[in-house]
Amino acid sequence: MVAIGVILLPRVIYPPLTNEQLQYIGDPMMRLQLKGTRSALEIQFRWQLIAMVGIFLAAGVLSLRMWPRK
């Protein structure tokens, strides 16, 4: 479930630019730069999600280890 969220959520929040959106930009170099920037945002967001999942997992493990057992 978490893996699906890490894979799909960045794509939903930062969808790739379509050809219709890029058709009004005349410079081909600028098109490539915009596509690359959007891809970089998606990757950065994905890594942030992975880090948050890691923090929550570590907090869960620590809380289980420190929880007093009867």
Protein backbone atom coordinates (compact mmCIF):
# COMPACT_ATOMS: atom_id res chain seq x y z
CA MET A 1 0.00 0.00 0.00
CA VAL A 2 2.81 2.39 0.90
CA ALA A 3 4.74 1.43 -2.23
CA ILE A 4 1.75 2.21 -4.41
CA GLY A 5 1.43 5.61 -2.74
CA VAL A 6 5.12 6.37 -3.22
CA ILE A 7 4.87 5.42 -6.89
CA LEU A 8 1.53 6.98 -7.79
CA LEU A 9 1.21 10.04 -5.55
CA PRO A 10 4.09 12.05 -7.08
CA ARG A 11 2.63 11.38 -10.54
CA VAL A 12 -0.76 12.71 -9.42
CA ILE A 13 0.63 15.80 -7.72
CA TYR A 14 3.17 16.61 -10.45
CA PRO A 15 1.69 15.18 -13.66
CA PRO A 16 3.95 15.12 -16.71
CA LEU A 17 3.60 17.96 -19.18
CA THR A 18 1.57 17.02 -22.25
CA ASN A 19 2.37 17.95 -25.83
CA GLU A 20 -0.68 20.24 -25.84
CA GLN A 21 0.75 22.19 -22.92
CA LEU A 22 4.15 22.44 -24.59
CA GLN A 23 2.97 23.31 -28.12
CA TYR A 24 2.94 27.05 -27.38
CA ILE A 25 6.61 27.07 -26.41
CA GLY A 26 8.65 27.66 -29.53
CA ASP A 27 12.12 26.88 -28.23
CA PRO A 28 12.81 23.12 -28.19
CA MET A 29 15.51 23.56 -25.57
CA MET A 30 13.02 25.25 -23.24
CA ARG A 31 10.58 22.34 -23.74
CA LEU A 32 13.23 19.86 -22.68
CA GLN A 33 14.15 22.01 -19.70
CA LEU A 34 10.52 22.22 -18.57
CA LYS A 35 10.06 18.45 -18.89
CA GLY A 36 13.27 17.86 -16.96
CA THR A 37 12.27 20.26 -14.22
CA ARG A 38 8.87 18.60 -13.82
CA SER A 39 10.53 15.20 -13.66
CA ALA A 40 13.00 16.47 -11.05
CA LEU A 41 10.10 17.77 -8.92
CA GLU A 42 8.41 14.38 -9.10
CA ILE A 43 11.60 12.57 -8.08
CA GLN A 44 12.28 14.99 -5.23
CA PHE A 45 8.73 14.58 -3.92
CA ARG A 46 9.07 10.79 -4.15
CA TRP A 47 12.25 10.87 -2.03
CA GLN A 48 10.51 13.08 0.52
CA LEU A 49 7.71 10.52 0.77
CA ILE A 50 10.22 7.71 1.22
CA ALA A 51 11.96 9.69 3.99
CA MET A 52 8.64 10.30 5.77
CA VAL A 53 7.78 6.60 5.60
CA GLY A 54 11.21 5.80 7.04
CA ILE A 55 10.72 8.26 9.89
CA PHE A 56 7.30 6.81 10.72
CA LEU A 57 8.67 3.27 10.62
CA ALA A 58 11.59 4.20 12.87
CA ALA A 59 9.25 5.95 15.31
CA GLY A 60 7.02 2.87 15.36
CA VAL A 61 9.92 0.53 16.04
CA LEU A 62 11.25 2.79 18.80
CA SER A 63 7.87 3.10 20.42
CA LEU A 64 7.43 -0.68 20.42
CA ARG A 65 10.89 -1.20 21.92
CA MET A 66 10.36 1.41 24.62
CA TRP A 67 6.77 0.47 25.47
CA PRO A 68 6.63 -1.15 28.91
CA ARG A 69 5.67 -4.80 28.68
CA LYS A 70 3.67 -6.38 31.44
